[in-house]
Amino acid sequence: MKHRAGRAPSNPTPDADGVDEVSQADGAAAEGNGTAAVDPGDAEVGLGAGEPSDGSDSSAADVRGELEQQRDKYLRLAAEYDNYRRRTTKERSEAGTRAQAELAKALLDALDDLARFAHVDPATTDATALVQGVELVERKMLKEFAAAGLDVVNPLDQPFDPALHEAVTTEPALAPEDDHLVSRVFQRGYMFGGQLLRPARVVVKQWNG
């Protein structure tokens, strides 16, 4: 009886040693061709390292630079405003002092006249001359005050105005048309530049029917 020779399987499966031998053979072949074997994982890492940056660092630096510029600008403006405020305050103070000095200078002549009349000898001075001298001083002073912007409120025989006058008392009016007219002025009022410094103190007529 004849025995048939057994056929090897068409797709033999190599064992572990065979796989290692094949891998070593492939690596040797690659080295022989001058090409290094590349691990897929290494390839992915390499691609990730070569990606371009998104520019976040440069954007943050730009923002910081802009903030520094705005801060410097604010500090400069604050310093300029502070200097301007100090300068204008000083100028206003100096202007007020100059105005007061000019007014005092304008009143010096009237003050000299007043001093002369205040030191006359009553025994040798006529009362009429003394009164006329005082009136002269008054006119001089009122003239200088008017030039500086002072207005006298003397509302004799004018309608009573509570915004400018202060009624001290009342007296009967002789006719209806005299109702609320100023009959006497106890003390004149004064205005400066449209501002009331002191109201005139007056007596007002009142019609009782």
Protein backbone atom coordinates (compact mmCIF):
# COMPACT_ATOMS: atom_id res chain seq x y z
CA MET A 1 0.00 0.00 0.00
CA LYS A 2 1.44 3.42 -1.13
CA HIS A 3 1.48 6.50 1.12
CA ARG A 4 0.70 10.01 -0.36
CA ALA A 5 3.02 12.78 0.51
CA GLY A 6 1.22 15.43 2.61
CA ARG A 7 0.92 18.97 1.02
CA ALA A 8 1.89 22.05 3.00
CA PRO A 9 -0.87 24.63 3.64
CA SER A 10 -1.23 27.27 0.89
CA ASN A 11 -1.02 30.19 3.41
CA PRO A 12 1.45 29.25 6.03
CA THR A 13 1.39 31.37 9.20
CA PRO A 14 4.86 32.26 10.39
CA ASP A 15 5.62 31.98 14.03
CA ALA A 16 6.91 34.76 16.23
CA ASP A 17 10.49 34.08 15.35
CA GLY A 18 9.64 34.30 11.69
CA VAL A 19 7.98 37.69 12.17
CA ASP A 20 11.01 39.07 13.96
CA GLU A 21 13.21 37.81 11.18
CA VAL A 22 11.04 39.46 8.54
CA SER A 23 11.04 42.79 10.45
CA GLN A 24 14.79 42.69 10.85
CA ALA A 25 15.13 41.88 7.17
CA ASP A 26 12.93 44.85 6.20
CA GLY A 27 14.90 47.17 8.47
CA ALA A 28 18.14 45.98 7.01
CA ALA A 29 16.80 46.49 3.51
CA ALA A 30 15.74 50.02 4.41
CA GLU A 31 19.15 50.82 5.82
CA GLY A 32 20.74 49.41 2.74
CA ASN A 33 18.68 51.77 0.58
CA GLY A 34 19.58 54.78 2.84
CA THR A 35 15.99 55.22 4.03
CA ALA A 36 15.24 55.08 7.75
CA ALA A 37 12.13 53.37 8.89
CA VAL A 38 9.56 55.90 10.19
CA ASP A 39 7.22 55.12 13.00
CA PRO A 40 3.66 56.36 12.30
CA GLY A 41 3.40 57.85 15.76
CA ASP A 42 6.62 59.78 15.20
CA ALA A 43 5.25 61.10 11.94
CA GLU A 44 2.14 62.46 13.62
CA VAL A 45 4.20 64.16 16.32
CA GLY A 46 6.41 65.74 13.71
CA LEU A 47 3.45 67.18 11.83
CA GLY A 48 2.02 68.62 15.04
CA ALA A 49 5.29 70.35 15.91
CA GLY A 50 5.46 71.97 12.51
CA GLU A 51 2.05 73.65 12.65
CA PRO A 52 2.11 77.49 12.61
CA SER A 53 1.44 79.43 15.85
CA ASP A 54 -2.01 81.08 16.29
CA GLY A 55 -0.43 84.48 17.27
CA SER A 56 -1.98 84.66 20.76
CA ASP A 57 1.30 85.78 22.33
CA SER A 58 1.76 88.65 19.89
CA SER A 59 -1.89 89.73 20.35
CA ALA A 60 -1.46 89.89 24.13
CA ALA A 61 1.70 91.95 23.69
CA ASP A 62 -0.17 94.37 21.41
CA VAL A 63 -2.95 94.78 23.98
CA ARG A 64 -0.43 95.48 26.74
CA GLY A 65 1.33 98.02 24.59
CA GLU A 66 -1.94 99.78 23.80
CA LEU A 67 -2.87 99.90 27.49
CA GLU A 68 0.50 101.42 28.34
CA GLN A 69 0.03 104.09 25.66
CA GLN A 70 -3.45 104.97 26.95
CA ARG A 71 -2.16 105.11 30.53
CA ASP A 72 0.67 107.46 29.53
CA LYS A 73 -1.79 109.63 27.61
CA TYR A 74 -4.13 109.81 30.60
CA LEU A 75 -1.31 110.76 32.96
CA ARG A 76 -0.14 113.51 30.61
CA LEU A 77 -3.66 114.91 30.28
CA ALA A 78 -4.17 114.81 34.06
CA ALA A 79 -0.90 116.67 34.61
CA GLU A 80 -1.77 119.28 31.97
CA TYR A 81 -5.21 119.85 33.51
CA ASP A 82 -3.74 120.22 36.99
CA ASN A 83 -1.25 122.80 35.70
CA TYR A 84 -4.05 124.65 33.88
CA ARG A 85 -6.23 124.68 37.00
CA ARG A 86 -3.42 126.07 39.14
CA ARG A 87 -2.53 128.68 36.53
CA THR A 88 -6.11 129.92 36.10
CA THR A 89 -6.64 130.05 39.88
CA LYS A 90 -3.51 132.14 40.26
CA GLU A 91 -4.53 134.43 37.38
CA ARG A 92 -8.00 135.00 38.86
CA SER A 93 -6.50 135.81 42.24
CA GLU A 94 -4.03 138.24 40.71
CA ALA A 95 -6.78 139.85 38.60
CA GLY A 96 -8.93 140.39 41.70
CA THR A 97 -6.02 141.94 43.55
CA ARG A 98 -5.27 144.28 40.64
CA ALA A 99 -8.93 145.36 40.44
CA GLN A 100 -9.02 146.14 44.15
CA ALA A 101 -5.79 148.09 43.86
CA GLU A 102 -7.18 150.13 40.95
CA LEU A 103 -10.33 150.98 42.92
CA ALA A 104 -8.32 151.99 45.98
CA LYS A 105 -6.10 154.17 43.79
CA ALA A 106 -9.14 155.89 42.29
CA LEU A 107 -10.44 156.74 45.77
CA LEU A 108 -7.20 158.27 47.05
CA ASP A 109 -8.11 161.83 45.99
CA ALA A 110 -11.49 161.64 47.70
CA LEU A 111 -9.81 160.21 50.79
CA ASP A 112 -7.37 163.16 50.85
CA ASP A 113 -10.27 165.63 50.62
CA LEU A 114 -12.09 163.83 53.41
CA ALA A 115 -8.99 163.99 55.60
CA ARG A 116 -8.70 167.74 55.08
CA PHE A 117 -12.30 168.37 56.08
CA ALA A 118 -12.07 166.00 59.02
CA HIS A 119 -9.20 167.94 60.57
CA VAL A 120 -10.38 171.54 60.19
CA ASP A 121 -10.75 173.78 63.20
CA PRO A 122 -14.47 174.00 64.03
CA ALA A 123 -13.95 177.39 65.65
CA THR A 124 -12.69 178.94 62.44
CA THR A 125 -14.64 176.93 59.87
CA ASP A 126 -18.07 177.90 58.60
CA ALA A 127 -20.62 175.08 58.84
CA THR A 128 -21.84 175.73 55.31
CA ALA A 129 -18.35 175.37 53.89
CA LEU A 130 -17.90 172.14 55.83
CA VAL A 131 -21.14 170.70 54.46
CA GLN A 132 -20.22 171.70 50.92
CA GLY A 133 -16.83 170.04 51.33
CA VAL A 134 -18.36 166.77 52.50
CA GLU A 135 -20.80 166.83 49.57
CA LEU A 136 -17.85 167.30 47.23
CA VAL A 137 -16.14 164.25 48.68
CA GLU A 138 -19.34 162.24 48.30
CA ARG A 139 -19.68 163.17 44.63
CA LYS A 140 -16.08 162.20 43.97
CA MET A 141 -16.48 158.84 45.63
CA LEU A 142 -19.77 158.05 43.86
CA LYS A 143 -18.19 158.96 40.54
CA GLU A 144 -15.31 156.55 41.06
CA PHE A 145 -17.63 153.80 42.32
CA ALA A 146 -19.89 154.27 39.30
CA ALA A 147 -16.88 153.94 37.00
CA ALA A 148 -16.08 150.65 38.75
CA GLY A 149 -19.64 149.35 38.16
CA LEU A 150 -21.53 150.42 41.29
CA ASP A 151 -25.14 151.62 40.93
CA VAL A 152 -27.05 153.50 43.63
CA VAL A 153 -30.61 152.40 44.43
CA ASN A 154 -32.52 155.54 45.50
CA PRO A 155 -36.19 154.88 44.69
CA LEU A 156 -37.84 158.03 46.01
CA ASP A 157 -41.36 158.45 44.52
CA GLN A 158 -40.94 155.20 42.58
CA PRO A 159 -43.10 152.06 42.82
CA PHE A 160 -42.08 149.73 45.59
CA ASP A 161 -40.05 146.74 44.29
CA PRO A 162 -39.56 143.93 46.85
CA ALA A 163 -36.60 142.64 44.81
CA LEU A 164 -34.69 145.89 45.35
CA HIS A 165 -36.38 147.59 48.30
CA GLU A 166 -37.00 146.74 51.94
CA ALA A 167 -40.11 148.32 53.45
CA VAL A 168 -39.37 149.59 56.92
CA THR A 169 -42.86 150.92 57.50
CA THR A 170 -45.90 152.29 55.66
CA GLU A 171 -47.84 155.52 55.73
CA PRO A 172 -51.27 156.43 54.37
CA ALA A 173 -51.45 157.50 50.74
CA LEU A 174 -53.41 160.67 49.93
CA ALA A 175 -54.67 159.37 46.59
CA PRO A 176 -55.21 155.94 45.01
CA GLU A 177 -52.52 156.60 42.43
CA ASP A 178 -49.95 156.97 45.23
CA ASP A 179 -50.55 153.44 46.50
CA HIS A 180 -47.32 151.43 46.84
CA LEU A 181 -45.05 154.39 46.03
CA VAL A 182 -41.90 155.05 48.03
CA SER A 183 -42.36 158.19 50.11
CA ARG A 184 -39.01 158.25 51.91
CA VAL A 185 -35.63 156.52 51.70
CA PHE A 186 -34.01 155.77 55.02
CA GLN A 187 -30.96 154.10 53.51
CA ARG A 188 -29.91 153.90 49.87
CA GLY A 189 -29.26 150.53 48.28
CA TYR A 190 -26.43 149.50 45.99
CA MET A 191 -25.97 147.15 43.05
CA PHE A 192 -22.75 146.00 41.46
CA GLY A 193 -22.64 144.41 38.03
CA GLY A 194 -26.36 143.62 38.19
CA GLN A 195 -26.05 142.01 41.63
CA LEU A 196 -27.85 143.53 44.59
CA LEU A 197 -25.38 144.34 47.35
CA ARG A 198 -27.88 145.94 49.70
CA PRO A 199 -31.58 146.77 49.30
CA ALA A 200 -32.82 150.29 49.85
CA ARG A 201 -34.68 150.72 53.14
CA VAL A 202 -37.80 152.76 52.44
CA VAL A 203 -41.23 153.95 53.63
CA VAL A 204 -44.10 152.89 51.38
CA LYS A 205 -47.41 154.69 50.85
CA GLN A 206 -50.53 152.59 51.25
CA TRP A 207 -54.02 153.52 50.10
CA ASN A 208 -56.70 152.37 52.50
CA GLY A 209 -59.73 153.66 50.59
